[in-house]
Amino acid sequence: MQNDVSKVNTFFPKPAWVTIREAVKITNKLRDIKIAEYDIYRHALYGNISLSIYFQSPVILRKIRSSVNKIKLRPVGDSLPYRLCMLERNVFLNGKGLILSTEGEYISPAQLVMNIGMLGHKFVLIQRLLAHSLNMPLPITGANNANYGITIALAGQSYQIFEKKTWQDRINQQITRLPAHIIADIYEDESVNRFMNFSGKGYFPVYELPEDACFVIRQEELDKLLGTHADRFTHTSSSRLSTPLSRLFWLACKHNDSISPLLRHPYKLLPIFEEWASVDGITDHLSADTLKRALERGSPNQSSK
């Protein structure tokens, strides 16, 4: 079967990246390793691996200014409409006024899968995904108190994600995120009303991951995770069947009309057992190698040898 897998991999090369769910499914099916989504998120937070973001729709980027490998922030000023449009909701409500300092042209890169670091709001987003996968309460604020927006790394340079829309649309978008008791005061402000009548467009920071974007993992990062932590994920010998149980297992398969023709092809039996397990609510990992070894051990032909 290993040769068969090698042939398949020759015709179908590994994808450059996969979703987190795909990574778990593929790894648990093709390797004698069991991982879960929370393993990937946890190691990403630890810095052991790096995740990427797949943007299904084009995004707008602008280079983040830095000095001695530290990002630069700049004050947003006292203008209420400008603060409303440029600051994240909680930063605006807390009266803070710093945003990432960016420079250069606004660009739309051709590639849709981009690497991320732990800079910006992505760390908190991964914290949320980890909590969700572990059925834990979602973080109230997360590790980063201030949300400076979604950032990515491109050719060794950090960029911030922006969206382009009219000032009127941006103001309305931001106002809907504010508590009801202050919305009336915002609308009554003369400077806000002037911007509301302005049809010009601007570039505004994106503070949440776009709805059609998702975290993915590149193949080299998945291989790094599995190579480094294989011992922790690998099944122990306690899951192996004893010889008497293997014999009973072989007999059960031999005298089952629906699967006995596949007795000499144990890897083709695995999907059948997986389907039966799913129907009965069994979610344990089923290993094709374990199935093969159990049938070989229980076979009378093997015993006579």
Protein backbone atom coordinates (compact mmCIF):
# COMPACT_ATOMS: atom_id res chain seq x y z
CA MET A 1 0.00 0.00 0.00
CA GLN A 2 2.91 2.30 0.66
CA ASN A 3 3.88 1.88 -3.00
CA ASP A 4 0.32 2.65 -4.04
CA VAL A 5 0.35 5.82 -1.94
CA SER A 6 3.66 6.84 -3.49
CA LYS A 7 2.19 6.36 -6.98
CA VAL A 8 -0.83 8.47 -6.08
CA ASN A 9 1.40 11.20 -4.69
CA THR A 10 3.39 11.14 -7.92
CA PHE A 11 0.31 11.81 -10.01
CA PHE A 12 -1.23 14.19 -7.48
CA PRO A 13 1.46 16.38 -5.88
CA LYS A 14 0.82 17.76 -2.41
CA PRO A 15 -1.14 21.01 -2.51
CA ALA A 16 0.86 24.11 -1.58
CA TRP A 17 -1.63 24.81 1.21
CA VAL A 18 -4.71 23.28 2.81
CA THR A 19 -7.41 24.51 5.17
CA ILE A 20 -7.06 23.61 8.84
CA ARG A 21 -9.89 21.09 8.54
CA GLU A 22 -8.28 19.50 5.47
CA ALA A 23 -4.93 19.28 7.27
CA VAL A 24 -6.51 17.33 10.12
CA LYS A 25 -8.49 15.04 7.82
CA ILE A 26 -5.61 14.26 5.46
CA THR A 27 -3.10 13.69 8.25
CA ASN A 28 -5.35 11.40 10.26
CA LYS A 29 -6.23 9.35 7.19
CA LEU A 30 -2.85 8.97 5.51
CA ARG A 31 -0.51 8.87 8.48
CA ASP A 32 -0.35 6.91 11.70
CA ILE A 33 -0.71 10.21 13.57
CA LYS A 34 -3.79 11.71 15.18
CA ILE A 35 -4.14 15.47 15.42
CA ALA A 36 -7.03 17.88 15.94
CA GLU A 37 -7.66 21.46 14.88
CA TYR A 38 -6.74 22.74 18.32
CA ASP A 39 -3.25 21.21 17.97
CA ILE A 40 -2.60 23.40 14.93
CA TYR A 41 -4.00 26.57 16.53
CA ARG A 42 -2.11 25.97 19.77
CA HIS A 43 1.25 25.51 18.01
CA ALA A 44 0.59 28.60 15.91
CA LEU A 45 0.09 30.63 19.10
CA TYR A 46 3.29 29.16 20.56
CA GLY A 47 5.17 30.26 17.45
CA ASN A 48 6.14 26.71 16.48
CA ILE A 49 4.47 27.07 13.08
CA SER A 50 3.14 29.92 10.95
CA LEU A 51 -0.33 30.07 9.46
CA SER A 52 -1.38 31.89 6.32
CA ILE A 53 -4.60 33.55 5.19
CA TYR A 54 -6.45 32.66 2.00
CA PHE A 55 -8.24 35.71 0.62
CA GLN A 56 -10.88 34.62 -1.87
CA SER A 57 -11.43 38.22 -2.93
CA PRO A 58 -8.68 40.74 -3.81
CA VAL A 59 -7.39 42.85 -0.94
CA ILE A 60 -5.69 46.25 -0.75
CA LEU A 61 -2.35 46.50 1.04
CA ARG A 62 -0.09 49.31 2.18
CA LYS A 63 3.42 48.97 3.62
CA ILE A 64 3.78 49.43 7.39
CA ARG A 65 6.57 51.76 8.47
CA SER A 66 9.12 50.33 10.87
CA SER A 67 12.33 51.25 12.62
CA VAL A 68 14.86 48.78 14.06
CA ASN A 69 12.37 45.93 13.39
CA LYS A 70 9.64 47.69 15.37
CA ILE A 71 6.45 48.94 13.75
CA LYS A 72 5.64 52.62 13.95
CA LEU A 73 2.39 54.08 15.23
CA ARG A 74 1.06 57.57 14.62
CA PRO A 75 -1.62 59.71 16.29
CA VAL A 76 -4.88 59.85 14.43
CA GLY A 77 -5.70 63.43 15.50
CA ASP A 78 -8.72 65.05 17.12
CA SER A 79 -11.14 65.10 14.17
CA LEU A 80 -14.21 63.10 15.23
CA PRO A 81 -15.11 61.77 11.75
CA TYR A 82 -11.49 60.83 11.06
CA ARG A 83 -11.16 59.06 14.42
CA LEU A 84 -14.47 57.30 13.80
CA CYS A 85 -13.36 56.07 10.37
CA MET A 86 -9.78 55.11 11.20
CA LEU A 87 -9.96 53.61 14.69
CA GLU A 88 -11.25 50.21 15.74
CA ARG A 89 -14.45 50.34 17.80
CA ASN A 90 -12.95 49.64 21.24
CA VAL A 91 -9.95 51.89 20.64
CA PHE A 92 -12.35 54.68 19.64
CA LEU A 93 -14.54 54.17 22.72
CA ASN A 94 -11.51 54.09 25.05
CA GLY A 95 -10.40 57.47 23.81
CA LYS A 96 -7.09 56.20 22.44
CA GLY A 97 -5.80 57.61 19.19
CA LEU A 98 -2.97 55.59 17.66
CA ILE A 99 -3.01 53.72 14.35
CA LEU A 100 -0.37 51.92 12.33
CA SER A 101 1.86 54.24 10.32
CA THR A 102 1.86 53.23 6.65
CA GLU A 103 3.58 54.58 3.57
CA GLY A 104 3.78 54.15 -0.18
CA GLU A 105 1.18 53.12 -2.72
CA TYR A 106 -1.90 51.03 -2.05
CA ILE A 107 -1.42 47.76 -3.93
CA SER A 108 -3.51 44.69 -4.79
CA PRO A 109 -1.17 41.67 -4.98
CA ALA A 110 -1.85 38.85 -7.43
CA GLN A 111 -1.41 36.07 -4.84
CA LEU A 112 -4.37 35.30 -2.59
CA VAL A 113 -2.54 33.19 0.04
CA MET A 114 -0.32 35.33 2.26
CA ASN A 115 1.80 34.57 5.28
CA ILE A 116 1.07 36.02 8.68
CA GLY A 117 3.06 36.66 11.83
CA MET A 118 1.66 37.39 15.25
CA LEU A 119 1.62 41.13 14.54
CA GLY A 120 -1.76 42.82 14.74
CA HIS A 121 -5.16 41.34 15.48
CA LYS A 122 -4.53 37.88 14.02
CA PHE A 123 -3.19 36.54 17.33
CA VAL A 124 -6.56 37.23 18.95
CA LEU A 125 -8.41 35.67 16.00
CA ILE A 126 -6.40 32.47 16.43
CA GLN A 127 -7.09 32.58 20.18
CA ARG A 128 -10.80 32.61 19.34
CA LEU A 129 -10.44 29.66 16.97
CA LEU A 130 -8.52 27.70 19.61
CA ALA A 131 -11.18 28.42 22.24
CA HIS A 132 -13.95 27.40 19.83
CA SER A 133 -12.20 24.12 18.92
CA LEU A 134 -11.78 23.30 22.63
CA ASN A 135 -15.35 24.31 23.53
CA MET A 136 -13.97 26.99 25.84
CA PRO A 137 -15.43 30.47 26.41
CA LEU A 138 -14.20 32.92 23.80
CA PRO A 139 -11.57 35.42 25.01
CA ILE A 140 -13.10 38.69 26.17
CA THR A 141 -10.29 40.90 24.91
CA GLY A 142 -7.55 38.46 23.93
CA ALA A 143 -3.84 38.88 24.48
CA ASN A 144 -3.70 42.19 22.59
CA ASN A 145 -5.65 45.03 24.19
CA ALA A 146 -5.47 47.28 21.11
CA ASN A 147 -6.62 46.12 17.69
CA TYR A 148 -4.46 47.84 15.08
CA GLY A 149 -5.91 45.88 12.18
CA ILE A 150 -5.21 42.86 9.99
CA THR A 151 -1.63 42.64 8.74
CA ILE A 152 0.25 40.20 6.53
CA ALA A 153 3.84 39.55 5.46
CA LEU A 154 4.80 39.81 1.81
CA ALA A 155 8.39 39.40 0.55
CA GLY A 156 9.73 40.02 4.06
CA GLN A 157 7.76 43.24 4.51
CA SER A 158 4.73 43.82 6.74
CA TYR A 159 1.59 45.26 5.17
CA GLN A 160 -1.75 46.41 6.54
CA ILE A 161 -5.03 45.51 4.85
CA PHE A 162 -7.32 48.35 3.77
CA GLU A 163 -10.68 48.68 2.10
CA LYS A 164 -11.72 51.43 -0.30
CA LYS A 165 -15.17 53.00 0.05
CA THR A 166 -16.87 56.36 0.37
CA TRP A 167 -16.50 58.30 3.61
CA GLN A 168 -20.27 58.19 3.96
CA ASP A 169 -20.38 54.40 3.78
CA ARG A 170 -17.46 54.06 6.19
CA ILE A 171 -19.05 56.38 8.75
CA ASN A 172 -22.35 54.47 8.59
CA GLN A 173 -20.46 51.18 8.89
CA GLN A 174 -18.55 52.35 11.95
CA ILE A 175 -21.56 53.91 13.65
CA THR A 176 -23.52 50.65 13.54
CA ARG A 177 -20.78 49.09 15.70
CA LEU A 178 -21.11 51.67 18.46
CA PRO A 179 -23.34 51.47 21.57
CA ALA A 180 -26.82 52.84 20.95
CA HIS A 181 -26.56 55.56 23.60
CA ILE A 182 -23.80 57.46 21.77
CA ILE A 183 -24.97 57.07 18.19
CA ALA A 184 -27.34 60.04 18.43
CA ASP A 185 -24.51 62.29 19.61
CA ILE A 186 -22.36 61.18 16.66
CA TYR A 187 -25.04 62.03 14.12
CA GLU A 188 -25.57 65.47 15.70
CA ASP A 189 -21.93 66.46 15.31
CA GLU A 190 -21.56 69.01 12.48
CA SER A 191 -18.19 67.70 11.30
CA VAL A 192 -19.62 64.20 10.93
CA ASN A 193 -22.56 65.56 8.94
CA ARG A 194 -20.18 67.32 6.55
CA PHE A 195 -18.39 64.03 5.86
CA MET A 196 -21.74 62.28 5.46
CA ASN A 197 -22.47 64.53 2.47
CA PHE A 198 -19.03 63.94 0.97
CA SER A 199 -19.11 61.44 -1.91
CA GLY A 200 -15.34 61.03 -2.19
CA LYS A 201 -13.65 57.70 -1.46
CA GLY A 202 -10.86 56.87 0.96
CA TYR A 203 -8.76 53.93 2.19
CA PHE A 204 -9.67 52.58 5.64
CA PRO A 205 -8.04 49.94 7.87
CA VAL A 206 -9.68 46.50 8.06
CA TYR A 207 -10.04 45.37 11.67
CA GLU A 208 -11.68 41.96 11.21
CA LEU A 209 -10.89 39.16 8.80
CA PRO A 210 -13.05 39.47 5.64
CA GLU A 211 -16.03 37.11 5.65
CA ASP A 212 -14.73 35.14 2.65
CA ALA A 213 -11.17 34.79 4.01
CA CYS A 214 -9.88 31.97 6.22
CA PHE A 215 -6.75 30.67 7.90
CA VAL A 216 -4.83 27.96 6.04
CA ILE A 217 -1.55 26.14 6.57
CA ARG A 218 1.18 25.73 3.98
CA GLN A 219 2.47 22.22 3.36
CA GLU A 220 5.95 22.96 4.70
CA GLU A 221 4.50 24.26 7.96
CA LEU A 222 2.30 21.18 8.35
CA ASP A 223 5.31 18.93 7.69
CA LYS A 224 7.26 20.89 10.29
CA LEU A 225 4.53 20.37 12.87
CA LEU A 226 4.18 16.65 12.17
CA GLY A 227 7.93 16.08 12.01
CA THR A 228 8.63 17.89 15.27
CA HIS A 229 5.76 16.48 17.29
CA ALA A 230 5.14 13.07 15.72
CA ASP A 231 6.01 11.25 18.94
CA ARG A 232 3.30 13.04 20.86
CA PHE A 233 0.65 12.33 18.24
CA THR A 234 1.59 8.73 17.36
CA HIS A 235 -0.67 5.99 18.68
CA THR A 236 0.79 3.79 21.38
CA SER A 237 1.06 0.02 21.20
CA SER A 238 -1.88 -0.28 23.61
CA SER A 239 -4.23 0.07 20.62
CA ARG A 240 -2.88 -3.11 18.96
CA LEU A 241 -5.05 -6.20 18.85
CA SER A 242 -3.93 -9.40 20.55
CA THR A 243 -3.64 -12.60 18.48
CA PRO A 244 -6.94 -14.13 19.75
CA LEU A 245 -8.82 -10.92 19.01
CA SER A 246 -7.15 -10.72 15.60
CA ARG A 247 -8.41 -14.23 14.82
CA LEU A 248 -11.95 -13.30 15.85
CA PHE A 249 -11.71 -10.13 13.76
CA TRP A 250 -10.54 -12.09 10.69
CA LEU A 251 -13.38 -14.61 11.13
CA ALA A 252 -15.96 -11.82 11.41
CA CYS A 253 -14.70 -10.25 8.19
CA LYS A 254 -14.40 -13.60 6.40
CA HIS A 255 -18.02 -14.56 7.07
CA ASN A 256 -19.49 -11.14 6.27
CA ASP A 257 -20.76 -11.33 2.68
CA SER A 258 -20.39 -7.58 2.06
CA ILE A 259 -16.70 -7.33 2.97
CA SER A 260 -15.23 -10.82 2.58
CA PRO A 261 -14.29 -10.21 -1.10
CA LEU A 262 -12.00 -7.39 0.10
CA LEU A 263 -10.27 -9.46 2.76
CA ARG A 264 -7.03 -9.49 0.77
CA HIS A 265 -7.31 -5.73 0.22
CA PRO A 266 -7.50 -4.32 3.77
CA TYR A 267 -6.93 -0.73 2.67
CA LYS A 268 -10.11 -0.91 0.62
CA LEU A 269 -11.93 -2.07 3.73
CA LEU A 270 -11.10 1.08 5.68
CA PRO A 271 -13.80 3.31 4.06
CA ILE A 272 -16.42 0.68 4.91
CA PHE A 273 -15.40 0.58 8.57
CA GLU A 274 -15.26 4.38 8.67
CA GLU A 275 -18.81 4.55 7.29
CA TRP A 276 -20.05 2.05 9.87
CA ALA A 277 -18.28 3.96 12.63
CA SER A 278 -19.85 7.23 11.50
CA VAL A 279 -23.36 5.72 11.49
CA ASP A 280 -22.87 4.49 15.07
CA GLY A 281 -21.40 7.76 16.27
CA ILE A 282 -17.83 6.48 16.70
CA THR A 283 -15.32 9.27 16.06
CA ASP A 284 -12.08 7.44 16.97
CA HIS A 285 -9.31 7.46 14.40
CA LEU A 286 -9.26 4.26 12.30
CA SER A 287 -5.85 3.28 10.98
CA ALA A 288 -5.51 1.36 7.72
CA ASP A 289 -2.16 -0.01 8.87
CA THR A 290 -3.68 -1.33 12.10
CA LEU A 291 -6.48 -2.98 10.10
CA LYS A 292 -3.97 -4.62 7.74
CA ARG A 293 -1.81 -5.93 10.60
CA ALA A 294 -4.82 -7.30 12.48
CA LEU A 295 -6.08 -9.23 9.45
CA GLU A 296 -2.60 -10.61 8.72
CA ARG A 297 -2.16 -11.67 12.33
CA GLY A 298 -5.59 -13.33 12.49
CA SER A 299 -5.36 -15.11 9.13
CA PRO A 300 -5.05 -18.96 9.31
CA ASN A 301 -2.52 -18.78 6.47
CA GLN A 302 -0.37 -16.43 8.53
CA SER A 303 -0.73 -18.70 11.58
CA SER A 304 0.41 -21.77 9.63
CA LYS A 305 3.49 -19.91 8.48
